[in-house]
Amino acid sequence: MEEIQIIYNKKQEKIVKYDCESSCRFNIRLKFIKILEEENIIWKEAYKLSKFWYNIKFNKCKYDQNIYFKIMKFDKLLEFRKC
């Protein structure tokens, strides 16, 4: 587990990169977090949503429909920005 400092809404925040999370996947999660920042989601919520998003996308986890649809709304924005 590695703790990394990022800037989110002009504040320094800590994010954990888990040992099981590849650098590529971590960078994609950072892009997802950037979208949440642009959508004015507060940090605590954004960090939580990024973990849900990661588990849905890469671990095929299932969540409540409300959470799932909220995550997928932001995921669609990410799809438009892929390099």
C-alpha atoms as a PDB file:
ATOM      1  CA  MET A   1       0.000   0.000   0.000  1.00  0.00           C
ATOM      2  CA  GLU A   2       1.362   3.381  -0.996  1.00  0.00           C
ATOM      3  CA  GLU A   3      -0.041   6.731   0.086  1.00  0.00           C
ATOM      4  CA  ILE A   4       0.180   9.437  -2.573  1.00  0.00           C
ATOM      5  CA  GLN A   5      -0.508  13.162  -2.317  1.00  0.00           C
ATOM      6  CA  ILE A   6      -2.711  14.753  -4.991  1.00  0.00           C
ATOM      7  CA  ILE A   7      -4.267  18.173  -5.437  1.00  0.00           C
ATOM      8  CA  TYR A   8      -8.073  18.081  -5.455  1.00  0.00           C
ATOM      9  CA  ASN A   9     -10.079  21.311  -5.535  1.00  0.00           C
ATOM     10  CA  LYS A  10      -6.918  23.260  -4.722  1.00  0.00           C
ATOM     11  CA  LYS A  11      -6.279  21.235  -1.559  1.00  0.00           C
ATOM     12  CA  GLN A  12      -3.704  18.560  -0.915  1.00  0.00           C
ATOM     13  CA  GLU A  13      -5.352  15.182  -0.339  1.00  0.00           C
ATOM     14  CA  LYS A  14      -4.055  11.669   0.266  1.00  0.00           C
ATOM     15  CA  ILE A  15      -4.999   8.707  -1.900  1.00  0.00           C
ATOM     16  CA  VAL A  16      -3.972   5.096  -1.406  1.00  0.00           C
ATOM     17  CA  LYS A  17      -2.571   3.049  -4.264  1.00  0.00           C
ATOM     18  CA  TYR A  18      -3.122  -0.536  -3.250  1.00  0.00           C
ATOM     19  CA  ASP A  19      -0.466  -3.196  -3.866  1.00  0.00           C
ATOM     20  CA  CYS A  20      -2.901  -5.132  -6.052  1.00  0.00           C
ATOM     21  CA  GLU A  21      -3.613  -2.024  -8.177  1.00  0.00           C
ATOM     22  CA  SER A  22      -1.410  -1.711 -11.255  1.00  0.00           C
ATOM     23  CA  SER A  23       0.038   1.669 -12.173  1.00  0.00           C
ATOM     24  CA  CYS A  24      -2.118   1.726 -15.292  1.00  0.00           C
ATOM     25  CA  ARG A  25      -5.327   1.115 -13.344  1.00  0.00           C
ATOM     26  CA  PHE A  26      -4.297   3.615 -10.692  1.00  0.00           C
ATOM     27  CA  ASN A  27      -3.747   6.272 -13.361  1.00  0.00           C
ATOM     28  CA  ILE A  28      -7.166   5.567 -14.844  1.00  0.00           C
ATOM     29  CA  ARG A  29      -8.666   5.923 -11.352  1.00  0.00           C
ATOM     30  CA  LEU A  30      -6.916   9.298 -11.062  1.00  0.00           C
ATOM     31  CA  LYS A  31      -8.572  10.344 -14.339  1.00  0.00           C
ATOM     32  CA  PHE A  32     -11.925   9.247 -12.903  1.00  0.00           C
ATOM     33  CA  ILE A  33     -11.234  11.342  -9.796  1.00  0.00           C
ATOM     34  CA  LYS A  34     -10.401  14.324 -12.035  1.00  0.00           C
ATOM     35  CA  ILE A  35     -13.861  14.033 -13.606  1.00  0.00           C
ATOM     36  CA  LEU A  36     -15.435  13.998 -10.154  1.00  0.00           C
ATOM     37  CA  GLU A  37     -13.452  17.118  -9.285  1.00  0.00           C
ATOM     38  CA  GLU A  38     -14.761  18.846 -12.431  1.00  0.00           C
ATOM     39  CA  GLU A  39     -18.284  17.845 -11.390  1.00  0.00           C
ATOM     40  CA  ASN A  40     -17.732  19.532  -7.987  1.00  0.00           C
ATOM     41  CA  ILE A  41     -17.951  16.358  -5.938  1.00  0.00           C
ATOM     42  CA  ILE A  42     -16.425  16.846  -2.484  1.00  0.00           C
ATOM     43  CA  TRP A  43     -13.204  14.927  -1.819  1.00  0.00           C
ATOM     44  CA  LYS A  44     -14.553  12.426   0.712  1.00  0.00           C
ATOM     45  CA  GLU A  45     -17.346  11.414  -1.678  1.00  0.00           C
ATOM     46  CA  ALA A  46     -15.028  11.384  -4.709  1.00  0.00           C
ATOM     47  CA  TYR A  47     -12.553   9.108  -2.976  1.00  0.00           C
ATOM     48  CA  LYS A  48     -15.334   6.714  -1.977  1.00  0.00           C
ATOM     49  CA  LEU A  49     -16.842   6.745  -5.487  1.00  0.00           C
ATOM     50  CA  SER A  50     -13.423   6.061  -7.025  1.00  0.00           C
ATOM     51  CA  LYS A  51     -13.130   2.882  -4.968  1.00  0.00           C
ATOM     52  CA  PHE A  52     -16.645   1.774  -5.961  1.00  0.00           C
ATOM     53  CA  TRP A  53     -15.809   2.565  -9.596  1.00  0.00           C
ATOM     54  CA  TYR A  54     -12.582   0.551  -9.441  1.00  0.00           C
ATOM     55  CA  ASN A  55     -14.383  -2.458  -7.983  1.00  0.00           C
ATOM     56  CA  ILE A  56     -17.154  -2.298 -10.591  1.00  0.00           C
ATOM     57  CA  LYS A  57     -14.779  -1.879 -13.542  1.00  0.00           C
ATOM     58  CA  PHE A  58     -11.961  -4.202 -12.612  1.00  0.00           C
ATOM     59  CA  ASN A  59     -13.284  -6.600  -9.968  1.00  0.00           C
ATOM     60  CA  LYS A  60     -16.805  -6.990 -11.390  1.00  0.00           C
ATOM     61  CA  CYS A  61     -18.363  -6.200  -7.998  1.00  0.00           C
ATOM     62  CA  LYS A  62     -22.075  -5.559  -7.710  1.00  0.00           C
ATOM     63  CA  TYR A  63     -23.557  -2.638  -5.780  1.00  0.00           C
ATOM     64  CA  ASP A  64     -26.957  -1.148  -5.119  1.00  0.00           C
ATOM     65  CA  GLN A  65     -28.579   0.229  -8.312  1.00  0.00           C
ATOM     66  CA  ASN A  66     -28.437   3.826  -7.083  1.00  0.00           C
ATOM     67  CA  ILE A  67     -24.687   3.625  -6.486  1.00  0.00           C
ATOM     68  CA  TYR A  68     -24.119   1.740  -9.732  1.00  0.00           C
ATOM     69  CA  PHE A  69     -25.979   4.255 -11.899  1.00  0.00           C
ATOM     70  CA  LYS A  70     -24.273   7.185 -10.191  1.00  0.00           C
ATOM     71  CA  ILE A  71     -20.870   5.628 -10.887  1.00  0.00           C
ATOM     72  CA  MET A  72     -21.740   4.798 -14.493  1.00  0.00           C
ATOM     73  CA  LYS A  73     -22.876   8.377 -15.139  1.00  0.00           C
ATOM     74  CA  PHE A  74     -19.353   9.555 -14.336  1.00  0.00           C
ATOM     75  CA  ASP A  75     -17.792   6.572 -16.115  1.00  0.00           C
ATOM     76  CA  LYS A  76     -19.452   7.702 -19.368  1.00  0.00           C
ATOM     77  CA  LEU A  77     -17.655  11.040 -19.023  1.00  0.00           C
ATOM     78  CA  LEU A  78     -14.388   9.139 -18.612  1.00  0.00           C
ATOM     79  CA  GLU A  79     -15.051   7.136 -21.782  1.00  0.00           C
ATOM     80  CA  PHE A  80     -15.183  10.346 -23.815  1.00  0.00           C
ATOM     81  CA  ARG A  81     -11.718  11.349 -22.570  1.00  0.00           C
ATOM     82  CA  LYS A  82      -9.750   8.150 -23.089  1.00  0.00           C
ATOM     83  CA  CYS A  83      -6.493   8.660 -24.923  1.00  0.00           C
END
